[in-house]
Amino acid sequence: MSYRGPLANRPDDIASLGCYWGKPGSGNQPPTTRSQALEAFYQYTINAALNVVFDAQYVFRLNGHPSPGTAILGAQFDVTF
């Protein structure tokens, strides 16, 4: 799910939440099953040419097995010429 303009004074920002799962190809050793993850994303629009993106993910059921999970945090800068 994504929402543009989550804050009244930030109409061009984008906030997103996602839940997804995936299964690696069958050529992996040892055989694996589906992994699951949750993700939160926020794009802070500075102007038409510059954005800062913040991303947080939590991966659980790594390879389809119950696991403690892994948290991943990231940021990126987008520049458009």
C-alpha atoms as a PDB file:
ATOM      1  CA  MET A   1       0.000   0.000   0.000  1.00  0.00           C
ATOM      2  CA  SER A   2       1.266   3.471  -0.819  1.00  0.00           C
ATOM      3  CA  TYR A   3      -0.079   6.878   0.077  1.00  0.00           C
ATOM      4  CA  ARG A   4       1.023  10.158  -1.505  1.00  0.00           C
ATOM      5  CA  GLY A   5       0.910  13.176   0.802  1.00  0.00           C
ATOM      6  CA  PRO A   6       0.682  11.445   4.192  1.00  0.00           C
ATOM      7  CA  LEU A   7       1.246  14.805   5.895  1.00  0.00           C
ATOM      8  CA  ALA A   8      -0.774  17.906   5.005  1.00  0.00           C
ATOM      9  CA  ASN A   9       2.346  20.061   4.624  1.00  0.00           C
ATOM     10  CA  ARG A  10       4.225  17.368   2.577  1.00  0.00           C
ATOM     11  CA  PRO A  11       1.902  16.680  -0.437  1.00  0.00           C
ATOM     12  CA  ASP A  12       4.625  15.090  -2.620  1.00  0.00           C
ATOM     13  CA  ASP A  13       5.999  12.625  -0.045  1.00  0.00           C
ATOM     14  CA  ILE A  14       5.116   8.933  -0.314  1.00  0.00           C
ATOM     15  CA  ALA A  15       4.624   6.474   2.546  1.00  0.00           C
ATOM     16  CA  SER A  16       4.339   2.738   1.861  1.00  0.00           C
ATOM     17  CA  LEU A  17       3.778  -0.497   3.775  1.00  0.00           C
ATOM     18  CA  GLY A  18       4.192  -3.944   2.330  1.00  0.00           C
ATOM     19  CA  CYS A  19       4.051  -7.603   3.232  1.00  0.00           C
ATOM     20  CA  TYR A  20       5.420 -10.143   0.807  1.00  0.00           C
ATOM     21  CA  TRP A  21       6.746 -13.636   0.440  1.00  0.00           C
ATOM     22  CA  GLY A  22       8.994 -15.296  -2.073  1.00  0.00           C
ATOM     23  CA  LYS A  23      10.386 -18.677  -2.934  1.00  0.00           C
ATOM     24  CA  PRO A  24      13.951 -19.072  -4.223  1.00  0.00           C
ATOM     25  CA  GLY A  25      14.592 -21.118  -7.338  1.00  0.00           C
ATOM     26  CA  SER A  26      14.717 -24.915  -7.068  1.00  0.00           C
ATOM     27  CA  GLY A  27      18.470 -25.018  -7.829  1.00  0.00           C
ATOM     28  CA  ASN A  28      19.378 -23.792  -4.332  1.00  0.00           C
ATOM     29  CA  GLN A  29      21.093 -26.146  -1.912  1.00  0.00           C
ATOM     30  CA  PRO A  30      19.786 -27.081   0.573  1.00  0.00           C
ATOM     31  CA  PRO A  31      16.189 -26.998  -0.698  1.00  0.00           C
ATOM     32  CA  THR A  32      14.345 -23.943   0.565  1.00  0.00           C
ATOM     33  CA  THR A  33      10.735 -22.878   0.981  1.00  0.00           C
ATOM     34  CA  ARG A  34       8.994 -19.512   1.145  1.00  0.00           C
ATOM     35  CA  SER A  35      10.422 -16.572   3.091  1.00  0.00           C
ATOM     36  CA  GLN A  36       8.259 -13.694   4.376  1.00  0.00           C
ATOM     37  CA  ALA A  37       8.972 -10.025   5.037  1.00  0.00           C
ATOM     38  CA  LEU A  38       7.382  -6.758   6.156  1.00  0.00           C
ATOM     39  CA  GLU A  39       8.565  -3.416   4.765  1.00  0.00           C
ATOM     40  CA  ALA A  40       7.989   0.274   5.561  1.00  0.00           C
ATOM     41  CA  PHE A  41       9.160   2.956   3.131  1.00  0.00           C
ATOM     42  CA  TYR A  42       9.090   6.772   3.212  1.00  0.00           C
ATOM     43  CA  GLN A  43      10.133   9.038   0.336  1.00  0.00           C
ATOM     44  CA  TYR A  44      10.881  12.573   1.500  1.00  0.00           C
ATOM     45  CA  THR A  45      10.623  14.890  -1.516  1.00  0.00           C
ATOM     46  CA  ILE A  46      12.927  17.890  -1.226  1.00  0.00           C
ATOM     47  CA  ASN A  47      12.180  19.262  -4.709  1.00  0.00           C
ATOM     48  CA  ALA A  48      11.450  17.941  -8.217  1.00  0.00           C
ATOM     49  CA  ALA A  49      15.056  16.765  -8.632  1.00  0.00           C
ATOM     50  CA  LEU A  50      15.968  15.476  -5.153  1.00  0.00           C
ATOM     51  CA  ASN A  51      14.404  12.814  -2.908  1.00  0.00           C
ATOM     52  CA  VAL A  52      15.606  11.039   0.230  1.00  0.00           C
ATOM     53  CA  VAL A  53      14.236   7.533   0.747  1.00  0.00           C
ATOM     54  CA  PHE A  54      14.163   5.714   4.092  1.00  0.00           C
ATOM     55  CA  ASP A  55      13.430   1.986   4.148  1.00  0.00           C
ATOM     56  CA  ALA A  56      12.996  -0.573   6.940  1.00  0.00           C
ATOM     57  CA  GLN A  57      12.460  -4.294   6.404  1.00  0.00           C
ATOM     58  CA  TYR A  58      11.942  -7.211   8.739  1.00  0.00           C
ATOM     59  CA  VAL A  59      12.548 -10.635   7.189  1.00  0.00           C
ATOM     60  CA  PHE A  60      11.146 -13.616   9.065  1.00  0.00           C
ATOM     61  CA  ARG A  61      10.614 -17.268   8.229  1.00  0.00           C
ATOM     62  CA  LEU A  62      13.927 -17.173   6.398  1.00  0.00           C
ATOM     63  CA  ASN A  63      13.927 -20.094   3.944  1.00  0.00           C
ATOM     64  CA  GLY A  64      10.488 -21.003   5.255  1.00  0.00           C
ATOM     65  CA  HIS A  65      11.684 -22.048   8.709  1.00  0.00           C
ATOM     66  CA  PRO A  66      10.720 -20.286  11.949  1.00  0.00           C
ATOM     67  CA  SER A  67      13.627 -17.986  12.781  1.00  0.00           C
ATOM     68  CA  PRO A  68      14.416 -14.958  14.959  1.00  0.00           C
ATOM     69  CA  GLY A  69      14.264 -12.782  11.856  1.00  0.00           C
ATOM     70  CA  THR A  70      16.487 -10.021  10.542  1.00  0.00           C
ATOM     71  CA  ALA A  71      15.944  -6.245  10.566  1.00  0.00           C
ATOM     72  CA  ILE A  72      17.315  -4.220   7.648  1.00  0.00           C
ATOM     73  CA  LEU A  73      17.502  -0.422   7.586  1.00  0.00           C
ATOM     74  CA  GLY A  74      18.488   1.670   4.584  1.00  0.00           C
ATOM     75  CA  ALA A  75      18.527   5.123   3.043  1.00  0.00           C
ATOM     76  CA  GLN A  76      19.160   6.415  -0.448  1.00  0.00           C
ATOM     77  CA  PHE A  77      19.351   9.731  -2.243  1.00  0.00           C
ATOM     78  CA  ASP A  78      17.665  10.103  -5.638  1.00  0.00           C
ATOM     79  CA  VAL A  79      18.903  12.877  -7.917  1.00  0.00           C
ATOM     80  CA  THR A  80      17.223  13.577 -11.258  1.00  0.00           C
ATOM     81  CA  PHE A  81      19.124  15.550 -13.888  1.00  0.00           C
END
